[in-house]
Protein backbone atom coordinates (compact mmCIF):
# COMPACT_ATOMS: atom_id res chain seq x y z
CA MET A 1 0.00 0.00 0.00
CA LYS A 2 1.21 3.49 -0.82
CA ALA A 3 0.98 4.87 2.71
CA GLU A 4 2.86 1.88 4.08
CA LYS A 5 5.62 2.38 1.49
CA ASN A 6 6.02 6.02 2.46
CA PHE A 7 6.10 5.09 6.11
CA LYS A 8 8.91 2.62 5.49
CA THR A 9 11.15 4.99 3.53
CA LYS A 10 10.76 8.05 5.73
CA SER A 11 13.74 8.79 8.04
CA ALA A 12 12.74 9.37 11.64
CA GLY A 13 15.80 10.39 13.56
CA GLY A 14 17.73 12.78 11.36
CA GLY A 15 21.02 11.35 12.70
CA LEU A 16 21.24 8.31 14.91
CA SER A 17 18.97 5.42 14.03
CA ALA A 18 16.15 4.53 16.38
CA GLN A 19 18.14 1.58 17.67
CA GLN A 20 21.18 3.78 18.47
CA ILE A 21 19.14 6.20 20.62
CA PRO A 22 19.04 5.40 24.36
CA LEU A 23 16.11 3.34 25.59
CA ARG A 24 12.94 5.13 26.71
CA GLN A 25 11.44 4.59 30.13
CA SER A 26 8.02 2.96 29.59
CA GLY A 27 6.76 3.86 33.08
CA ILE A 28 5.40 0.31 33.38
CA LYS A 29 7.39 -1.90 35.69
CA ILE A 30 6.82 -5.18 33.86
CA LEU A 31 7.82 -3.61 30.51
CA GLY A 32 10.79 -1.68 31.76
CA PRO A 33 12.79 0.46 29.25
CA LEU A 34 11.69 0.27 25.60
CA ARG A 35 13.50 1.04 22.38
CA TRP A 36 11.94 3.33 19.83
CA GLY A 37 9.69 1.33 17.54
CA ALA A 38 8.29 -0.88 20.30
CA HIS A 39 4.78 -2.15 19.48
CA VAL A 40 3.08 -3.59 22.57
CA CYS A 41 -0.49 -4.72 23.22
CA LEU A 42 -2.43 -4.80 26.48
CA PHE A 43 -5.18 -7.35 27.09
CA TYR A 44 -7.34 -5.70 29.74
CA GLU A 45 -10.45 -6.75 31.62
CA SER A 46 -11.61 -3.47 33.17
CA LYS A 47 -11.22 0.29 33.23
CA ARG A 48 -9.08 -0.19 36.31
CA ASP A 49 -6.59 -2.22 34.25
CA LEU A 50 -6.37 0.56 31.65
CA LEU A 51 -5.71 3.28 34.22
CA GLU A 52 -3.23 1.15 36.15
CA LEU A 53 -0.93 0.86 33.11
CA LEU A 54 -1.70 3.86 30.90
CA LEU A 55 -1.32 6.56 33.58
CA PRO A 56 2.34 5.76 34.38
CA TYR A 57 2.97 5.13 30.66
CA PHE A 58 1.93 8.69 29.70
CA ALA A 59 3.38 10.25 32.83
CA ALA A 60 6.81 8.89 31.79
CA GLY A 61 6.35 10.13 28.23
CA LEU A 62 5.45 13.68 29.29
CA LYS A 63 8.38 13.73 31.69
CA ASN A 64 10.77 12.56 28.93
CA ASN A 65 9.73 15.28 26.45
CA GLU A 66 7.73 13.00 24.17
CA PHE A 67 4.58 13.96 22.30
CA CYS A 68 1.76 11.89 23.81
CA LEU A 69 -1.37 10.84 21.91
CA TRP A 70 -4.12 9.00 23.82
CA ILE A 71 -6.92 7.61 21.58
CA THR A 72 -9.77 6.57 23.89
CA ALA A 73 -12.78 4.29 23.57
CA ALA A 74 -15.23 2.70 26.01
CA PRO A 75 -15.00 2.14 28.90
CA LEU A 76 -12.74 5.20 29.26
CA GLY A 77 -13.60 8.51 27.61
CA PRO A 78 -11.36 11.57 27.00
CA GLU A 79 -12.63 13.62 29.94
CA GLU A 80 -12.23 10.81 32.47
CA ALA A 81 -8.81 9.92 31.07
CA GLU A 82 -7.63 13.54 31.40
CA ARG A 83 -8.94 13.81 34.97
CA ALA A 84 -7.15 10.60 35.96
CA LEU A 85 -3.91 11.68 34.27
CA SER A 86 -3.99 15.11 35.94
CA ALA A 87 -3.92 13.34 39.31
CA VAL A 88 -0.47 11.89 38.54
CA VAL A 89 0.89 14.72 36.36
CA PRO A 90 0.56 18.00 38.31
CA ASP A 91 1.51 20.22 35.34
CA LEU A 92 -0.79 18.47 32.87
CA ALA A 93 -2.55 21.73 31.92
CA GLU A 94 0.80 23.22 30.88
CA CYS A 95 1.59 20.11 28.80
CA LYS A 96 -1.69 20.48 26.97
CA ALA A 97 -1.21 24.22 26.50
CA ARG A 98 2.13 23.74 24.75
CA GLY A 99 0.72 20.95 22.57
CA GLN A 100 2.56 18.02 24.11
CA LEU A 101 -0.60 16.00 24.84
CA GLU A 102 -3.72 15.14 22.86
CA ILE A 103 -6.54 12.97 24.18
CA LEU A 104 -9.07 12.09 21.48
CA PRO A 105 -12.04 9.71 21.12
CA TYR A 106 -11.50 6.91 18.61
CA ASP A 107 -14.06 8.30 16.12
CA ARG A 108 -11.93 11.42 15.64
CA TRP A 109 -8.89 9.34 14.76
CA TYR A 110 -9.73 5.91 13.36
CA THR A 111 -13.17 6.56 11.82
CA ALA A 112 -13.22 10.32 11.25
CA SER A 113 -14.27 9.74 7.62
CA GLY A 114 -17.16 7.47 8.65
CA ARG A 115 -15.25 4.18 8.35
CA PHE A 116 -11.86 2.78 9.25
CA ASP A 117 -9.24 3.25 6.51
CA VAL A 118 -5.80 1.65 6.86
CA ASN A 119 -3.99 4.16 4.62
CA LYS A 120 -5.48 7.19 6.35
CA ALA A 121 -4.60 5.82 9.78
CA LEU A 122 -0.97 5.21 8.76
CA LYS A 123 -0.68 8.68 7.22
CA LYS A 124 -1.94 10.20 10.46
CA TYR A 125 0.83 8.44 12.37
CA MET A 126 3.45 9.74 9.93
CA LYS A 127 2.16 13.30 10.22
CA THR A 128 2.03 13.02 14.02
CA GLU A 129 5.65 11.86 14.13
CA ALA A 130 6.80 14.64 11.77
CA ARG A 131 4.89 17.25 13.78
CA SER A 132 6.37 16.04 17.05
CA MET A 133 9.91 16.14 15.68
CA GLY A 134 9.32 19.62 14.29
CA GLY A 135 8.08 20.73 17.70
CA GLY A 136 11.29 19.67 19.39
CA TYR A 137 9.94 16.54 21.03
CA ALA A 138 12.01 13.38 21.39
CA GLY A 139 9.38 11.24 19.68
CA VAL A 140 5.77 10.03 19.86
CA ARG A 141 4.15 7.93 22.55
CA VAL A 142 0.68 6.67 21.58
CA THR A 143 -2.04 4.31 22.74
CA GLY A 144 -5.32 3.28 21.15
CA ASN A 145 -8.22 1.21 22.49
CA ALA A 146 -9.75 -1.39 20.15
CA SER A 147 -13.02 -1.82 22.09
CA TRP A 148 -14.94 -0.04 19.28
CA LEU A 149 -14.17 -2.74 16.71
CA ASP A 150 -17.02 -4.81 15.30
CA ASP A 151 -16.99 -7.88 13.08
CA GLY A 152 -16.91 -5.74 9.94
CA SER A 153 -13.80 -3.75 10.86
CA TRP A 154 -11.83 -6.39 12.77
CA GLY A 155 -10.04 -7.82 9.73
CA SER A 156 -8.94 -4.45 8.32
CA PHE A 157 -7.75 -3.31 11.75
CA LEU A 158 -5.56 -6.41 12.13
CA GLY A 159 -4.12 -5.62 8.69
CA TYR A 160 -3.35 -2.12 9.96
CA GLU A 161 -1.66 -3.58 13.06
CA ARG A 162 0.48 -5.84 10.87
CA ALA A 163 1.54 -2.86 8.75
CA VAL A 164 2.43 -0.85 11.87
CA ASP A 165 4.37 -3.77 13.32
CA GLU A 166 6.41 -4.13 10.11
CA VAL A 167 7.41 -0.46 9.80
CA ILE A 168 7.38 1.01 13.30
CA GLY A 169 10.91 -0.21 14.06
CA GLY A 170 12.45 2.61 11.98
CA HIS A 171 10.59 5.42 13.74
CA ARG A 172 10.65 7.28 17.02
CA VAL A 173 7.31 5.90 18.09
CA LEU A 174 6.19 3.86 21.07
CA ALA A 175 2.78 2.22 20.48
CA PHE A 176 0.75 0.60 23.27
CA CYS A 177 -2.50 -0.94 21.92
CA ALA A 178 -5.31 -1.95 24.30
CA TYR A 179 -7.69 -4.86 23.59
CA PRO A 180 -10.62 -5.92 25.84
CA VAL A 181 -10.32 -9.62 26.68
CA LYS A 182 -14.10 -10.06 26.92
CA LYS A 183 -14.63 -9.07 23.28
CA CYS A 184 -11.87 -11.31 21.91
CA LEU A 185 -12.22 -15.01 21.24
CA LEU A 186 -9.06 -17.03 21.60
CA PRO A 187 -8.35 -16.95 17.81
CA ASP A 188 -8.59 -13.15 17.95
CA LEU A 189 -6.18 -13.02 20.87
CA VAL A 190 -3.70 -15.17 18.98
CA GLU A 191 -3.87 -12.92 15.90
CA VAL A 192 -3.48 -9.77 17.99
CA LEU A 193 -0.47 -11.27 19.75
CA ASP A 194 0.96 -12.16 16.34
CA THR A 195 0.94 -8.48 15.24
CA HIS A 196 2.78 -7.07 18.30
CA GLU A 197 6.24 -7.35 19.74
CA TYR A 198 4.99 -8.00 23.24
CA ALA A 199 1.70 -8.48 25.05
CA ILE A 200 0.78 -7.77 28.66
CA ALA A 201 -2.03 -9.70 30.34
CA ARG A 202 -3.12 -10.30 33.91
CA SER A 203 -3.05 -13.91 35.10
CA ARG A 204 -4.15 -14.77 38.63
CA GLY A 205 -3.87 -11.13 39.63
CA VAL A 206 -0.32 -10.70 38.28
CA TRP A 207 0.67 -8.83 35.11
CA ARG A 208 2.70 -10.99 32.73
CA LYS A 209 4.74 -10.08 29.65
CA ILE A 210 4.53 -12.41 26.67
CA ALA A 211 6.59 -12.33 23.51
CA GLY A 212 4.68 -12.21 20.21
CA GLY A 213 5.12 -11.33 16.56
CA ARG A 214 5.01 -13.18 13.26
CA ARG A 215 8.80 -12.79 12.92
CA ARG A 216 9.28 -14.66 16.19
CA ALA A 217 6.55 -17.27 15.70
CA GLU A 218 8.50 -20.33 16.79
CA SER A 219 10.08 -18.83 19.90
CA ALA A 220 6.90 -16.92 20.78
CA LEU A 221 4.93 -20.17 20.73
CA HIS A 222 7.07 -21.51 23.57
CA GLU A 223 7.38 -18.24 25.49
CA SER A 224 3.65 -17.56 25.41
CA ALA A 225 2.54 -21.01 26.52
CA ALA A 226 1.80 -19.61 29.97
CA MET A 227 -0.30 -16.89 28.33
CA TYR A 228 -2.41 -19.41 26.43
CA ARG A 229 -2.86 -21.50 29.58
CA ALA A 230 -4.01 -18.38 31.42
CA PHE A 231 -6.64 -17.75 28.76
CA PHE A 232 -7.64 -21.40 28.85
CA ARG A 233 -8.23 -21.14 32.61
CA GLN A 234 -10.00 -17.77 32.57
CA ILE A 235 -12.48 -18.41 29.77
CA HIS A 236 -15.66 -20.12 30.99
CA ASP A 237 -16.33 -21.89 27.68
CA SER A 238 -14.93 -25.24 26.55
CA ILE A 239 -11.87 -24.75 24.35
CA LEU A 240 -10.44 -27.47 22.12
CA LEU A 241 -7.24 -27.23 20.08
CA LEU A 242 -7.70 -29.57 17.13
CA GLU A 243 -5.28 -30.67 14.44
CA ILE A 244 -6.69 -31.21 10.96
CA SER A 245 -5.34 -34.48 9.57
CA PRO A 246 -7.28 -35.56 6.46
CA PRO A 247 -8.93 -37.80 5.61
CA GLY A 248 -9.96 -38.54 9.19
CA PRO A 249 -11.69 -36.25 11.68
CA PRO A 250 -9.67 -33.54 13.49
CA ILE A 251 -7.51 -34.80 16.39
CA ILE A 252 -7.73 -33.25 19.86
CA ARG A 253 -4.35 -31.76 20.78
CA ASP A 254 -5.30 -29.73 23.85
CA VAL A 255 -8.34 -28.85 25.99
CA ASN A 256 -8.99 -26.47 28.84
CA ALA A 257 -10.35 -27.31 32.30
CA MET A 258 -13.90 -26.33 31.34
CA ALA A 259 -13.87 -28.85 28.47
CA VAL A 260 -12.71 -31.56 30.87
CA LYS A 261 -15.53 -30.65 33.27
CA THR A 262 -18.15 -30.39 30.51
CA PHE A 263 -17.42 -33.68 28.74
CA GLY A 264 -16.54 -35.73 31.84
CA TYR A 265 -13.26 -37.10 30.45
CA SER A 266 -9.84 -36.53 31.92
CA ARG A 267 -7.39 -34.49 29.85
CA GLU A 268 -5.35 -37.62 29.18
CA GLU A 269 -8.43 -39.43 27.86
CA LEU A 270 -9.04 -36.66 25.31
CA ILE A 271 -5.55 -35.75 24.02
CA GLY A 272 -4.80 -37.58 20.77
CA LYS A 273 -8.39 -38.77 20.26
CA PRO A 274 -10.52 -37.82 17.26
CA VAL A 275 -13.02 -35.06 18.03
CA SER A 276 -15.76 -37.42 16.82
CA LEU A 277 -15.47 -39.03 20.28
CA LEU A 278 -17.42 -36.05 21.62
CA ASN A 279 -20.00 -35.74 18.87
CA ALA A 280 -23.46 -37.27 19.02
CA ASP A 281 -23.82 -36.56 15.28
CA GLU A 282 -21.31 -38.07 12.84
CA LYS A 283 -21.53 -35.10 10.47
CA ALA A 284 -20.28 -32.62 13.09
CA ALA A 285 -16.59 -33.50 12.71
CA ARG A 286 -16.82 -33.36 8.92
CA GLU A 287 -18.51 -29.98 9.10
CA MET A 288 -15.81 -28.61 11.40
CA ALA A 289 -13.02 -29.86 9.10
CA ALA A 290 -14.78 -28.39 6.05
CA LYS A 291 -15.30 -24.98 7.65
CA GLY A 292 -11.89 -24.78 9.28
CA GLY A 293 -10.27 -23.06 6.30
CA SER A 294 -12.68 -20.09 6.33
CA LEU A 295 -10.84 -16.77 6.70
CA ASN A 296 -13.74 -15.39 8.72
CA GLY A 297 -13.90 -18.35 11.05
CA PHE A 298 -16.90 -20.61 11.50
CA SER A 299 -19.84 -21.13 13.81
CA PHE A 300 -22.55 -23.78 13.99
CA ILE A 301 -24.64 -25.77 16.48
CA VAL A 302 -23.78 -29.38 17.30
CA ARG A 303 -25.09 -32.12 19.57
CA HIS A 304 -22.31 -33.39 21.87
CA LYS A 305 -22.06 -36.55 23.95
CA ARG A 306 -20.47 -36.72 27.40
CA LYS A 307 -18.54 -39.66 28.75
CA ASP A 308 -21.62 -40.83 30.68
CA GLY A 309 -23.63 -40.90 27.45
CA THR A 310 -25.76 -37.84 28.09
CA VAL A 311 -26.28 -35.58 25.09
CA PHE A 312 -26.34 -31.78 25.06
CA THR A 313 -26.46 -29.04 22.47
CA ALA A 314 -23.48 -26.69 22.04
CA GLY A 315 -22.80 -23.55 20.06
CA VAL A 316 -19.40 -23.82 18.35
CA SER A 317 -17.23 -21.02 16.95
CA GLY A 318 -13.60 -20.98 15.94
CA GLN A 319 -10.98 -20.48 13.28
CA GLU A 320 -8.10 -22.26 11.63
CA LEU A 321 -4.49 -21.41 12.52
CA VAL A 322 -1.24 -22.56 10.98
CA ILE A 323 1.50 -23.06 13.58
CA GLY A 324 4.76 -24.81 12.79
CA GLY A 325 3.35 -25.96 9.46
CA LYS A 326 0.39 -27.69 11.11
CA ARG A 327 -3.24 -26.81 10.42
CA LEU A 328 -4.94 -26.30 13.75
CA ILE A 329 -8.44 -25.29 14.76
CA ILE A 330 -9.26 -23.34 17.90
CA SER A 331 -12.82 -24.40 18.75
CA VAL A 332 -14.68 -22.46 21.47
CA GLU A 333 -17.85 -24.24 22.58
CA ARG A 334 -20.68 -23.38 24.96
CA ASP A 335 -23.47 -25.58 26.30
CA ILE A 336 -26.68 -23.93 25.07
CA SER A 337 -29.08 -26.68 26.14
CA GLY A 338 -30.43 -24.49 28.93
CA ARG A 339 -30.89 -21.57 26.56
CA LEU A 340 -32.67 -23.72 23.99
CA LYS A 341 -34.92 -25.20 26.69
CA ALA A 342 -35.68 -21.71 27.96
CA GLU A 343 -36.54 -20.63 24.43
CA GLU A 344 -38.78 -23.67 23.99
CA ASP A 345 -40.43 -23.04 27.37
CA LEU A 346 -40.93 -19.43 26.35
CA LYS A 347 -42.63 -20.54 23.14
CA HIS A 348 -44.96 -22.85 25.11
CA THR A 349 -45.66 -20.09 27.61
CA CYS A 350 -46.44 -17.62 24.84
CA ALA A 351 -48.74 -20.17 23.19
CA ALA A 352 -50.51 -20.84 26.51
CA LEU A 353 -50.85 -17.11 27.10
CA GLU A 354 -52.31 -16.69 23.64
CA VAL A 355 -54.90 -19.40 24.38
CA GLU A 356 -55.69 -17.80 27.74
CA LYS A 357 -55.95 -14.43 26.03
CA ARG A 358 -58.52 -15.80 23.60
CA ARG A 359 -60.45 -17.37 26.48
CA LEU A 360 -60.49 -14.09 28.35
CA GLU A 361 -61.63 -12.28 25.23
CA GLU A 362 -64.47 -14.80 24.83
CA LYS A 363 -65.40 -14.39 28.52
CA ASN A 364 -65.34 -10.64 28.15
CA ILE A 365 -67.66 -10.88 25.16
CA ALA A 366 -70.04 -13.14 27.12
CA PHE A 367 -69.83 -10.81 30.12
CA ARG A 368 -70.64 -7.79 27.96
CA GLU A 369 -73.58 -9.65 26.42
CA ALA A 370 -74.83 -10.59 29.92
CA MET A 371 -74.48 -6.99 31.10
CA ASN A 372 -76.36 -5.80 28.03
CA ALA A 373 -79.13 -8.30 28.78
CA VAL A 374 -79.28 -7.10 32.39
CA GLU A 375 -79.45 -3.49 31.22
CA THR A 376 -82.19 -4.39 28.74
CA GLU A 377 -84.16 -6.19 31.45
CA LYS A 378 -83.69 -3.27 33.83
CA ASN A 379 -84.94 -0.83 31.21
CA LYS A 380 -87.85 -3.15 30.50
CA MET A 381 -88.83 -3.29 34.19
CA ARG A 382 -88.55 0.47 34.45
CA ASP A 383 -90.80 0.89 31.43
CA GLU A 384 -93.32 -1.58 32.86
CA VAL A 385 -93.44 0.23 36.19
CA ILE A 386 -93.94 3.55 34.43
CA VAL A 387 -96.69 2.16 32.20
CA ASN A 388 -98.45 0.40 35.08
CA ILE A 389 -98.38 3.53 37.19
CA ASN A 390 -99.56 5.79 34.39
CA LYS A 391 -102.19 3.46 32.93
CA ILE A 392 -103.43 1.50 35.94
CA VAL A 393 -102.53 2.98 39.32
CA LEU A 394 -103.00 6.70 38.63
CA PRO A 395 -106.51 6.30 37.17
CA ILE A 396 -107.57 4.49 40.37
CA VAL A 397 -106.05 7.20 42.53
CA LYS A 398 -107.85 9.80 40.42
CA ARG A 399 -111.21 8.08 40.95
CA ILE A 400 -110.63 7.90 44.70
CA ARG A 401 -109.98 11.63 44.73
CA LEU A 402 -113.08 12.37 42.59
CA LYS A 403 -115.35 10.28 44.84
CA GLY A 404 -114.11 12.28 47.83
CA GLY A 405 -114.23 9.26 50.08
CA THR A 406 -112.67 5.96 50.73
CA SER A 407 -114.30 3.35 48.48
CA ARG A 408 -113.59 -0.18 49.68
CA GLU A 409 -113.66 -1.52 46.14
CA LEU A 410 -111.26 1.16 44.85
CA LEU A 411 -108.84 0.55 47.73
CA ASP A 412 -108.87 -3.20 47.05
CA LEU A 413 -108.29 -2.50 43.39
CA LEU A 414 -105.44 -0.14 44.22
CA GLU A 415 -103.84 -2.72 46.50
CA LYS A 416 -103.99 -5.41 43.80
CA SER A 417 -102.66 -2.99 41.18
CA LEU A 418 -99.75 -2.01 43.38
CA GLY A 419 -98.96 -5.68 43.91
CA ALA A 420 -98.71 -6.14 40.16
CA LEU A 421 -96.79 -2.91 39.69
CA VAL A 422 -93.66 -4.54 38.31
CA SER A 423 -95.54 -6.98 36.10
CA SER A 424 -95.66 -6.68 32.37
CA PHE A 425 -99.45 -6.29 32.38
CA GLY A 426 -99.57 -2.56 31.65
CA ARG A 427 -96.87 -2.73 29.01
CA ARG A 428 -98.58 -5.64 27.26
CA LEU A 429 -101.86 -3.72 27.14
CA THR A 430 -100.15 -0.68 25.62
CA GLU A 431 -98.48 -2.58 22.82
CA SER A 432 -99.13 -0.76 19.57
CA ASP A 433 -100.91 -3.63 17.83
CA LEU A 434 -103.61 -3.81 20.54
CA ARG A 435 -104.50 -0.09 20.47
CA LEU A 436 -106.54 -0.21 23.73
CA THR A 437 -107.97 3.10 24.81
CA PRO A 438 -107.15 4.42 28.30
CA LYS A 439 -110.68 3.57 29.44
CA GLU A 440 -110.37 0.05 28.02
CA MET A 441 -107.03 -0.39 29.85
CA GLU A 442 -108.71 0.73 33.09
CA VAL A 443 -111.56 -1.74 32.57
CA ALA A 444 -109.12 -4.52 31.70
CA ASN A 445 -107.22 -3.94 34.96
CA MET A 446 -110.49 -4.10 36.93
CA VAL A 447 -111.50 -7.30 35.13
CA LYS A 448 -108.05 -8.78 35.87
CA SER A 449 -108.62 -7.89 39.55
CA GLY A 450 -111.80 -10.00 39.58
CA LEU A 451 -114.41 -7.22 39.64
CA THR A 452 -117.78 -7.92 38.10
CA THR A 453 -119.43 -5.78 35.44
CA LYS A 454 -121.74 -4.27 38.04
CA GLU A 455 -118.84 -3.46 40.36
CA ILE A 456 -116.88 -1.92 37.51
CA SER A 457 -119.90 0.20 36.40
CA GLY A 458 -120.23 1.48 39.95
CA LEU A 459 -116.60 2.45 40.19
CA LEU A 460 -116.64 4.09 36.77
CA ASN A 461 -120.04 5.74 37.21
CA ALA A 462 -120.97 4.10 33.93
CA SER A 463 -123.80 1.82 32.88
CA THR A 464 -123.36 -1.90 32.74
CA GLN A 465 -123.99 -1.73 28.99
CA THR A 466 -121.00 0.64 28.66
CA VAL A 467 -118.81 -1.72 30.68
CA ASP A 468 -119.97 -4.70 28.58
CA LYS A 469 -119.09 -2.75 25.46
CA HIS A 470 -115.62 -2.09 26.83
CA ARG A 471 -115.26 -5.76 27.70
CA SER A 472 -116.35 -6.74 24.20
CA ASN A 473 -113.84 -4.32 22.62
CA ILE A 474 -111.08 -5.67 24.87
CA ARG A 475 -111.88 -9.27 23.84
CA ARG A 476 -111.90 -8.29 20.17
CA LYS A 477 -108.60 -6.40 20.34
CA LEU A 478 -107.03 -9.26 22.25
CA GLY A 479 -108.25 -11.70 19.61
CA LEU A 480 -110.65 -13.46 21.98
CA ALA A 481 -113.96 -12.69 20.23
CA ASN A 482 -116.09 -15.84 19.91
CA GLN A 483 -113.24 -17.92 21.38
CA GLY A 484 -114.87 -19.05 24.62
CA VAL A 485 -111.77 -17.97 26.56
CA ASN A 486 -112.28 -16.60 30.06
CA LEU A 487 -111.18 -12.94 29.92
CA VAL A 488 -110.17 -12.83 33.60
CA SER A 489 -107.85 -15.81 33.29
CA TYR A 490 -106.36 -14.49 30.06
CA LEU A 491 -105.61 -11.05 31.54
CA ARG A 492 -104.03 -12.59 34.64
CA ASP A 493 -101.66 -14.59 32.40
CA LEU A 494 -100.38 -11.50 30.58
């Protein structure tokens, strides 16, 4: 790449080479003095880890007249980083004022154009070095945090790290790159280690320094064995190191403690055995061997079998590595049986809730229909009471008032009418198809009460012929003319 070529050919010292200049104090005890061109990575677990190492690193750089560039990313932002650094560098404000220190968020450095570009990032480093030398500084001290990387930018960023590692040796630059352990699978950690001169990682509470680099692959493999073991112990997933040896299934070359616990075999029982020993499905080993050569790694779900014969489902992810001429696969596996069961239980629960929801909706519909029926019946009773009072009771009361006395017959009639107040009698008589007159309704009520024609004529001050005429009209309108039906009984049944 053009930027990389320029970076390689540019002279950094203007005199002595970088290797001839005295070592720089790193400020970090486990690193000790560093030569210009050192490219170191930090595998951290927390913000506390970052501050523990980066604060003395930059404090030493500011003290030694180096231009310091701190590129931040979560979990540590620029403001918090500056506050923490000011606690260990009393004259930090003066350093910033004279341009010796810059603290920037990653999106103003790596992705300022909207995406990560290897060439642009390398050019920025060249310009930063040239500017620092022109400003009278001894060199550049920089750190960047890779926590912002996603799957889409991981590959290009590793290419950038390789380019930096190849050319940084000829420049007055110290680079300290931070990587969060929790976001890196073991294959990622191996690749990161391969692009740096050294790595620092905490193991059992103690910081350790591990050699790395593609140029030192063979020696680094032996020196970093403790580092790999530390990762094996810390990661809570099963990890298997497999060797691809066609045409058979991959052979297990190493496992971590979690794999031993998960599968129920001892480490000795697993080493040297085909991975098919652990698979409940024969196709799983073939699928792993087929996908091992993918540059982007692989992931799939497999059914595994423990030593005791029990079967569980695991999510598998990994990538192929070539070490010492051997094709190896780092396979990271996690038991997802509980998750799958929880998902299945959730589906059943959702289905049951849907059924219950429909039942409740049906009950609500029935309840609303019942309430509507009650309201209809209530309105009907109210209407019947109103009709009975207006058509039956009030006329009797009116006659009592007109007579000016207390007629025994009228009082009996009033008592019976009040007893039937909530009946449907009055409403039935006022139905539109009957068309009874008010007087006919009054006579009908008296007939229903058992009064004779003579008694009714006396109460109405009308002749018996008039009452008989009313009775005849009532029978006709009720459809009882010439039917031989007793009018009293009929009216009482209404």
